[in-house]
Amino acid sequence: MNPIPEIDFRQARFITSAPDIRHLPRNEGVEIAFAGRSNAGKSSALNAITGQKQLARTSKTPGRTQLINLFSLADPRHCLVDLPGYGFAKVPLEMKEKWQASLTEYLEKRESLCGLVVLMDIRHPFKDIDQDLIFWAVESGLPVLAILTKADKLKSGARKATVLQCKEAALAFGGDVTVMALSVLKGLGITEVRRHLAGWLSQVDADPEAEDEPQHEE
């Protein structure tokens, strides 16, 4: 097995925000998308993975990510995408539906997408909406990394038990679904997550046809 190339996620930089995919750069290179319920700590996780406190905007009010936010890594062909949060946000229904439409359109039509990170509060994993998203990704042939955030909220024994239960539950999805725990506060799991994401990017780089073919069905 070839070693996974080192990718310095700390070099991530903001590129653009867009209300929909028509306002994003052209489908070039590869993108890893981050999705999650609005109270799952998605922006905090992105900041921890990239080692930057303000790369993704965080707020005490869930649901502040209203646009598709694009960040490039050291290799400009490699990008991370912060998608609008779903589910929990206390916002007008019309606004929530607009976010959902933007998220759905990106997932279904963005050909640069090479992997999906689904973030869930470790105390409330695999809600129905999370499962729907993971099933969709598996059916579309995308690898999924299910990150259990706020892992410091559970004691070590309970955390390990929950991770094990979630790994067993993930088997029901089929496909390539990996489960990892993450604590931004304690720094738990950050190195492992970075290594996993680097593996995705290196696999795509190694496949000369990967950028020429859609990564999933429309």
C-alpha atoms as a PDB file:
ATOM      1  CA  MET A   1       0.000   0.000   0.000  1.00  0.00           C
ATOM      2  CA  ASN A   2       1.388   3.388  -1.007  1.00  0.00           C
ATOM      3  CA  PRO A   3       1.775   5.930   1.812  1.00  0.00           C
ATOM      4  CA  ILE A   4      -0.789   8.741   1.903  1.00  0.00           C
ATOM      5  CA  PRO A   5       0.791  12.038   0.767  1.00  0.00           C
ATOM      6  CA  GLU A   6       0.976  14.766   3.379  1.00  0.00           C
ATOM      7  CA  ILE A   7      -1.586  17.497   2.789  1.00  0.00           C
ATOM      8  CA  ASP A   8      -1.318  20.607   4.919  1.00  0.00           C
ATOM      9  CA  PHE A   9      -4.929  21.504   5.639  1.00  0.00           C
ATOM     10  CA  ARG A  10      -3.670  24.523   7.569  1.00  0.00           C
ATOM     11  CA  GLN A  11      -3.035  26.230   4.226  1.00  0.00           C
ATOM     12  CA  ALA A  12      -6.756  26.315   3.452  1.00  0.00           C
ATOM     13  CA  ARG A  13      -7.967  29.703   2.323  1.00  0.00           C
ATOM     14  CA  PHE A  14     -11.362  31.162   1.538  1.00  0.00           C
ATOM     15  CA  ILE A  15     -12.248  31.374  -2.159  1.00  0.00           C
ATOM     16  CA  THR A  16     -15.889  32.375  -2.441  1.00  0.00           C
ATOM     17  CA  SER A  17     -19.419  32.085  -1.086  1.00  0.00           C
ATOM     18  CA  ALA A  18     -22.288  31.309  -3.410  1.00  0.00           C
ATOM     19  CA  PRO A  19     -26.067  30.935  -3.100  1.00  0.00           C
ATOM     20  CA  ASP A  20     -26.042  28.052  -5.619  1.00  0.00           C
ATOM     21  CA  ILE A  21     -23.688  26.079  -7.878  1.00  0.00           C
ATOM     22  CA  ARG A  22     -24.157  28.487 -10.786  1.00  0.00           C
ATOM     23  CA  HIS A  23     -22.138  31.029  -8.807  1.00  0.00           C
ATOM     24  CA  LEU A  24     -19.300  28.600  -7.971  1.00  0.00           C
ATOM     25  CA  PRO A  25     -16.097  28.233 -10.012  1.00  0.00           C
ATOM     26  CA  ARG A  26     -16.133  25.697 -12.846  1.00  0.00           C
ATOM     27  CA  ASN A  27     -16.030  21.966 -12.080  1.00  0.00           C
ATOM     28  CA  GLU A  28     -12.249  21.565 -11.968  1.00  0.00           C
ATOM     29  CA  GLY A  29     -10.205  19.549  -9.523  1.00  0.00           C
ATOM     30  CA  VAL A  30     -11.864  17.781  -6.601  1.00  0.00           C
ATOM     31  CA  GLU A  31     -13.967  18.869  -3.643  1.00  0.00           C
ATOM     32  CA  ILE A  32     -14.790  17.366  -0.253  1.00  0.00           C
ATOM     33  CA  ALA A  33     -18.103  18.627   1.085  1.00  0.00           C
ATOM     34  CA  PHE A  34     -19.011  19.073   4.754  1.00  0.00           C
ATOM     35  CA  ALA A  35     -22.682  18.725   5.670  1.00  0.00           C
ATOM     36  CA  GLY A  36     -24.532  18.422   8.942  1.00  0.00           C
ATOM     37  CA  ARG A  37     -27.425  19.492  11.088  1.00  0.00           C
ATOM     38  CA  SER A  38     -27.265  23.150  12.012  1.00  0.00           C
ATOM     39  CA  ASN A  39     -26.315  22.390  15.625  1.00  0.00           C
ATOM     40  CA  ALA A  40     -23.690  19.708  14.888  1.00  0.00           C
ATOM     41  CA  GLY A  41     -20.644  21.980  15.187  1.00  0.00           C
ATOM     42  CA  LYS A  42     -19.777  21.824  11.491  1.00  0.00           C
ATOM     43  CA  SER A  43     -17.997  25.172  11.251  1.00  0.00           C
ATOM     44  CA  SER A  44     -16.011  24.535  14.438  1.00  0.00           C
ATOM     45  CA  ALA A  45     -14.909  21.158  13.052  1.00  0.00           C
ATOM     46  CA  LEU A  46     -13.783  22.732   9.778  1.00  0.00           C
ATOM     47  CA  ASN A  47     -11.769  25.325  11.692  1.00  0.00           C
ATOM     48  CA  ALA A  48     -10.120  22.599  13.788  1.00  0.00           C
ATOM     49  CA  ILE A  49      -9.260  20.454  10.767  1.00  0.00           C
ATOM     50  CA  THR A  50      -7.684  23.432   9.017  1.00  0.00           C
ATOM     51  CA  GLY A  51      -6.064  24.765  12.184  1.00  0.00           C
ATOM     52  CA  GLN A  52      -7.667  28.166  11.685  1.00  0.00           C
ATOM     53  CA  LYS A  53      -9.994  29.800  14.168  1.00  0.00           C
ATOM     54  CA  GLN A  54     -11.907  31.973  11.723  1.00  0.00           C
ATOM     55  CA  LEU A  55     -11.844  30.097   8.394  1.00  0.00           C
ATOM     56  CA  ALA A  56     -15.460  28.972   8.729  1.00  0.00           C
ATOM     57  CA  ARG A  57     -17.755  31.317  10.594  1.00  0.00           C
ATOM     58  CA  THR A  58     -19.034  30.001  13.899  1.00  0.00           C
ATOM     59  CA  SER A  59     -21.890  31.299  15.973  1.00  0.00           C
ATOM     60  CA  LYS A  60     -23.788  30.457  19.127  1.00  0.00           C
ATOM     61  CA  THR A  61     -26.880  30.590  16.908  1.00  0.00           C
ATOM     62  CA  PRO A  62     -27.197  27.374  14.848  1.00  0.00           C
ATOM     63  CA  GLY A  63     -27.840  27.781  11.148  1.00  0.00           C
ATOM     64  CA  ARG A  64     -25.614  30.748  10.325  1.00  0.00           C
ATOM     65  CA  THR A  65     -24.069  28.966   7.333  1.00  0.00           C
ATOM     66  CA  GLN A  66     -26.507  30.115   4.658  1.00  0.00           C
ATOM     67  CA  LEU A  67     -24.316  29.891   1.565  1.00  0.00           C
ATOM     68  CA  ILE A  68     -22.056  27.345  -0.101  1.00  0.00           C
ATOM     69  CA  ASN A  69     -18.558  28.309   1.084  1.00  0.00           C
ATOM     70  CA  LEU A  70     -15.533  27.168  -0.911  1.00  0.00           C
ATOM     71  CA  PHE A  71     -11.972  26.880   0.462  1.00  0.00           C
ATOM     72  CA  SER A  72      -8.878  25.831  -1.480  1.00  0.00           C
ATOM     73  CA  LEU A  73      -5.875  23.949  -0.090  1.00  0.00           C
ATOM     74  CA  ALA A  74      -2.200  24.324  -1.009  1.00  0.00           C
ATOM     75  CA  ASP A  75      -2.953  22.537  -4.268  1.00  0.00           C
ATOM     76  CA  PRO A  76      -5.643  24.782  -5.805  1.00  0.00           C
ATOM     77  CA  ARG A  77      -7.249  21.714  -7.379  1.00  0.00           C
ATOM     78  CA  HIS A  78      -8.144  20.501  -3.874  1.00  0.00           C
ATOM     79  CA  CYS A  79     -11.068  22.236  -2.182  1.00  0.00           C
ATOM     80  CA  LEU A  80     -13.194  21.915   0.941  1.00  0.00           C
ATOM     81  CA  VAL A  81     -16.836  22.961   0.777  1.00  0.00           C
ATOM     82  CA  ASP A  82     -18.933  24.106   3.728  1.00  0.00           C
ATOM     83  CA  LEU A  83     -22.576  23.446   2.851  1.00  0.00           C
ATOM     84  CA  PRO A  84     -25.609  25.110   4.458  1.00  0.00           C
ATOM     85  CA  GLY A  85     -26.656  23.408   7.677  1.00  0.00           C
ATOM     86  CA  TYR A  86     -29.887  21.456   7.700  1.00  0.00           C
ATOM     87  CA  GLY A  87     -32.567  20.503  10.176  1.00  0.00           C
ATOM     88  CA  PHE A  88     -32.374  22.401  13.434  1.00  0.00           C
ATOM     89  CA  ALA A  89     -32.044  26.072  12.498  1.00  0.00           C
ATOM     90  CA  LYS A  90     -34.718  28.401  13.872  1.00  0.00           C
ATOM     91  CA  VAL A  91     -35.261  30.429  10.726  1.00  0.00           C
ATOM     92  CA  PRO A  92     -38.312  31.203   8.575  1.00  0.00           C
ATOM     93  CA  LEU A  93     -39.516  28.201   6.561  1.00  0.00           C
ATOM     94  CA  GLU A  94     -38.977  30.019   3.255  1.00  0.00           C
ATOM     95  CA  MET A  95     -35.313  30.633   4.107  1.00  0.00           C
ATOM     96  CA  LYS A  96     -34.835  27.040   5.297  1.00  0.00           C
ATOM     97  CA  GLU A  97     -36.312  25.708   2.033  1.00  0.00           C
ATOM     98  CA  LYS A  98     -33.957  27.944   0.054  1.00  0.00           C
ATOM     99  CA  TRP A  99     -30.933  26.552   1.938  1.00  0.00           C
ATOM    100  CA  GLN A 100     -32.145  22.999   1.411  1.00  0.00           C
ATOM    101  CA  ALA A 101     -32.574  23.572  -2.312  1.00  0.00           C
ATOM    102  CA  SER A 102     -29.040  24.961  -2.542  1.00  0.00           C
ATOM    103  CA  LEU A 103     -27.590  21.989  -0.638  1.00  0.00           C
ATOM    104  CA  THR A 104     -29.518  19.434  -2.694  1.00  0.00           C
ATOM    105  CA  GLU A 105     -28.513  21.022  -5.987  1.00  0.00           C
ATOM    106  CA  TYR A 106     -24.853  20.977  -5.021  1.00  0.00           C
ATOM    107  CA  LEU A 107     -24.916  17.331  -3.967  1.00  0.00           C
ATOM    108  CA  GLU A 108     -26.772  16.173  -7.067  1.00  0.00           C
ATOM    109  CA  LYS A 109     -25.013  18.195  -9.752  1.00  0.00           C
ATOM    110  CA  ARG A 110     -21.525  19.170  -8.601  1.00  0.00           C
ATOM    111  CA  GLU A 111     -19.211  16.848 -10.535  1.00  0.00           C
ATOM    112  CA  SER A 112     -16.104  17.919  -8.601  1.00  0.00           C
ATOM    113  CA  LEU A 113     -17.470  16.265  -5.459  1.00  0.00           C
ATOM    114  CA  CYS A 114     -15.259  13.304  -4.472  1.00  0.00           C
ATOM    115  CA  GLY A 115     -16.342  12.645  -0.875  1.00  0.00           C
ATOM    116  CA  LEU A 116     -18.895  13.684   1.724  1.00  0.00           C
ATOM    117  CA  VAL A 117     -18.265  14.437   5.396  1.00  0.00           C
ATOM    118  CA  VAL A 118     -21.420  14.192   7.509  1.00  0.00           C
ATOM    119  CA  LEU A 119     -21.081  15.762  10.947  1.00  0.00           C
ATOM    120  CA  MET A 120     -23.307  14.661  13.829  1.00  0.00           C
ATOM    121  CA  ASP A 121     -23.364  15.446  17.538  1.00  0.00           C
ATOM    122  CA  ILE A 122     -22.026  12.297  19.217  1.00  0.00           C
ATOM    123  CA  ARG A 123     -24.959  12.457  21.652  1.00  0.00           C
ATOM    124  CA  HIS A 124     -27.502  12.416  18.795  1.00  0.00           C
ATOM    125  CA  PRO A 125     -26.026  10.387  15.905  1.00  0.00           C
ATOM    126  CA  PHE A 126     -27.761   9.101  12.787  1.00  0.00           C
ATOM    127  CA  LYS A 127     -30.962  11.107  12.876  1.00  0.00           C
ATOM    128  CA  ASP A 128     -33.300  10.306   9.983  1.00  0.00           C
ATOM    129  CA  ILE A 129     -32.085  13.252   7.916  1.00  0.00           C
ATOM    130  CA  ASP A 130     -28.455  12.203   8.452  1.00  0.00           C
ATOM    131  CA  GLN A 131     -29.252   8.664   7.355  1.00  0.00           C
ATOM    132  CA  ASP A 132     -31.052   9.893   4.244  1.00  0.00           C
ATOM    133  CA  LEU A 133     -27.984  11.900   3.255  1.00  0.00           C
ATOM    134  CA  ILE A 134     -25.607   8.982   3.834  1.00  0.00           C
ATOM    135  CA  PHE A 135     -27.822   6.553   1.914  1.00  0.00           C
ATOM    136  CA  TRP A 136     -27.917   9.003  -0.983  1.00  0.00           C
ATOM    137  CA  ALA A 137     -24.128   9.331  -0.994  1.00  0.00           C
ATOM    138  CA  VAL A 138     -23.621   5.550  -0.921  1.00  0.00           C
ATOM    139  CA  GLU A 139     -26.073   5.056  -3.764  1.00  0.00           C
ATOM    140  CA  SER A 140     -24.177   7.722  -5.704  1.00  0.00           C
ATOM    141  CA  GLY A 141     -20.856   5.949  -5.186  1.00  0.00           C
ATOM    142  CA  LEU A 142     -19.385   8.579  -2.882  1.00  0.00           C
ATOM    143  CA  PRO A 143     -17.247   7.707   0.152  1.00  0.00           C
ATOM    144  CA  VAL A 144     -18.623   9.058   3.420  1.00  0.00           C
ATOM    145  CA  LEU A 145     -16.860  10.093   6.606  1.00  0.00           C
ATOM    146  CA  ALA A 146     -19.330  10.299   9.488  1.00  0.00           C
ATOM    147  CA  ILE A 147     -17.755  12.530  12.132  1.00  0.00           C
ATOM    148  CA  LEU A 148     -19.164  12.367  15.656  1.00  0.00           C
ATOM    149  CA  THR A 149     -18.548  15.891  16.939  1.00  0.00           C
ATOM    150  CA  LYS A 150     -18.416  17.198  20.515  1.00  0.00           C
ATOM    151  CA  ALA A 151     -16.829  13.911  21.616  1.00  0.00           C
ATOM    152  CA  ASP A 152     -15.642  15.571  24.843  1.00  0.00           C
ATOM    153  CA  LYS A 153     -19.273  15.695  25.975  1.00  0.00           C
ATOM    154  CA  LEU A 154     -19.039  11.967  26.771  1.00  0.00           C
ATOM    155  CA  LYS A 155     -16.659  10.258  29.170  1.00  0.00           C
ATOM    156  CA  SER A 156     -14.050   7.975  27.641  1.00  0.00           C
ATOM    157  CA  GLY A 157     -15.968   4.728  28.166  1.00  0.00           C
ATOM    158  CA  ALA A 158     -19.250   6.109  26.865  1.00  0.00           C
ATOM    159  CA  ARG A 159     -17.468   7.705  23.927  1.00  0.00           C
ATOM    160  CA  LYS A 160     -15.800   4.462  22.887  1.00  0.00           C
ATOM    161  CA  ALA A 161     -19.076   2.577  23.240  1.00  0.00           C
ATOM    162  CA  THR A 162     -20.941   5.129  21.125  1.00  0.00           C
ATOM    163  CA  VAL A 163     -18.294   5.061  18.405  1.00  0.00           C
ATOM    164  CA  LEU A 164     -18.435   1.268  18.310  1.00  0.00           C
ATOM    165  CA  GLN A 165     -22.239   1.311  18.103  1.00  0.00           C
ATOM    166  CA  CYS A 166     -22.121   3.848  15.282  1.00  0.00           C
ATOM    167  CA  LYS A 167     -19.534   1.818  13.364  1.00  0.00           C
ATOM    168  CA  GLU A 168     -21.812  -1.209  13.612  1.00  0.00           C
ATOM    169  CA  ALA A 169     -24.807   0.879  12.535  1.00  0.00           C
ATOM    170  CA  ALA A 170     -22.834   2.221   9.552  1.00  0.00           C
ATOM    171  CA  LEU A 171     -22.556  -1.282   8.136  1.00  0.00           C
ATOM    172  CA  ALA A 172     -26.248  -1.064   7.226  1.00  0.00           C
ATOM    173  CA  PHE A 173     -25.505   1.695   4.728  1.00  0.00           C
ATOM    174  CA  GLY A 174     -23.194  -0.479   2.663  1.00  0.00           C
ATOM    175  CA  GLY A 175     -20.625   1.310   0.538  1.00  0.00           C
ATOM    176  CA  ASP A 176     -17.644   3.207   1.928  1.00  0.00           C
ATOM    177  CA  VAL A 177     -18.768   4.725   5.248  1.00  0.00           C
ATOM    178  CA  THR A 178     -16.208   5.449   7.968  1.00  0.00           C
ATOM    179  CA  VAL A 179     -17.019   6.663  11.495  1.00  0.00           C
ATOM    180  CA  MET A 180     -14.675   8.808  13.586  1.00  0.00           C
ATOM    181  CA  ALA A 181     -15.041  10.824  16.788  1.00  0.00           C
ATOM    182  CA  LEU A 182     -13.881  14.435  16.975  1.00  0.00           C
ATOM    183  CA  SER A 183     -13.469  16.894  19.820  1.00  0.00           C
ATOM    184  CA  VAL A 184     -12.501  20.432  18.872  1.00  0.00           C
ATOM    185  CA  LEU A 185     -12.037  21.315  22.545  1.00  0.00           C
ATOM    186  CA  LYS A 186      -9.685  18.405  23.303  1.00  0.00           C
ATOM    187  CA  GLY A 187      -8.113  18.064  19.860  1.00  0.00           C
ATOM    188  CA  LEU A 188      -9.327  14.475  19.696  1.00  0.00           C
ATOM    189  CA  GLY A 189      -9.429  12.846  16.262  1.00  0.00           C
ATOM    190  CA  ILE A 190      -8.167  15.803  14.229  1.00  0.00           C
ATOM    191  CA  THR A 191      -5.038  14.033  12.946  1.00  0.00           C
ATOM    192  CA  GLU A 192      -7.029  10.928  12.009  1.00  0.00           C
ATOM    193  CA  VAL A 193      -9.625  12.988  10.130  1.00  0.00           C
ATOM    194  CA  ARG A 194      -6.952  14.885   8.221  1.00  0.00           C
ATOM    195  CA  ARG A 195      -5.263  11.626   7.242  1.00  0.00           C
ATOM    196  CA  HIS A 196      -8.546  10.165   6.020  1.00  0.00           C
ATOM    197  CA  LEU A 197      -9.392  13.199   3.904  1.00  0.00           C
ATOM    198  CA  ALA A 198      -5.863  13.257   2.469  1.00  0.00           C
ATOM    199  CA  GLY A 199      -6.412   9.643   1.443  1.00  0.00           C
ATOM    200  CA  TRP A 200      -9.500  10.646  -0.537  1.00  0.00           C
ATOM    201  CA  LEU A 201      -7.669  13.425  -2.331  1.00  0.00           C
ATOM    202  CA  SER A 202      -4.653  11.234  -3.129  1.00  0.00           C
ATOM    203  CA  GLN A 203      -6.877   8.490  -4.559  1.00  0.00           C
ATOM    204  CA  VAL A 204      -8.514  10.937  -6.927  1.00  0.00           C
ATOM    205  CA  ASP A 205      -5.135  12.388  -7.921  1.00  0.00           C
ATOM    206  CA  ALA A 206      -3.917   8.883  -8.716  1.00  0.00           C
ATOM    207  CA  ASP A 207      -6.846   8.227 -11.060  1.00  0.00           C
ATOM    208  CA  PRO A 208      -6.308  10.098 -14.347  1.00  0.00           C
ATOM    209  CA  GLU A 209      -9.959   9.595 -15.305  1.00  0.00           C
ATOM    210  CA  ALA A 210     -11.379  10.793 -11.996  1.00  0.00           C
ATOM    211  CA  GLU A 211     -11.626  14.422 -13.038  1.00  0.00           C
ATOM    212  CA  ASP A 212     -13.156  13.585 -16.395  1.00  0.00           C
ATOM    213  CA  GLU A 213     -16.065  11.519 -15.097  1.00  0.00           C
ATOM    214  CA  PRO A 214     -18.905  12.583 -12.795  1.00  0.00           C
ATOM    215  CA  GLN A 215     -18.431  11.190  -9.297  1.00  0.00           C
ATOM    216  CA  HIS A 216     -22.102  10.410  -8.941  1.00  0.00           C
ATOM    217  CA  GLU A 217     -25.324  10.138 -10.871  1.00  0.00           C
ATOM    218  CA  GLU A 218     -27.521  13.134 -11.472  1.00  0.00           C
END
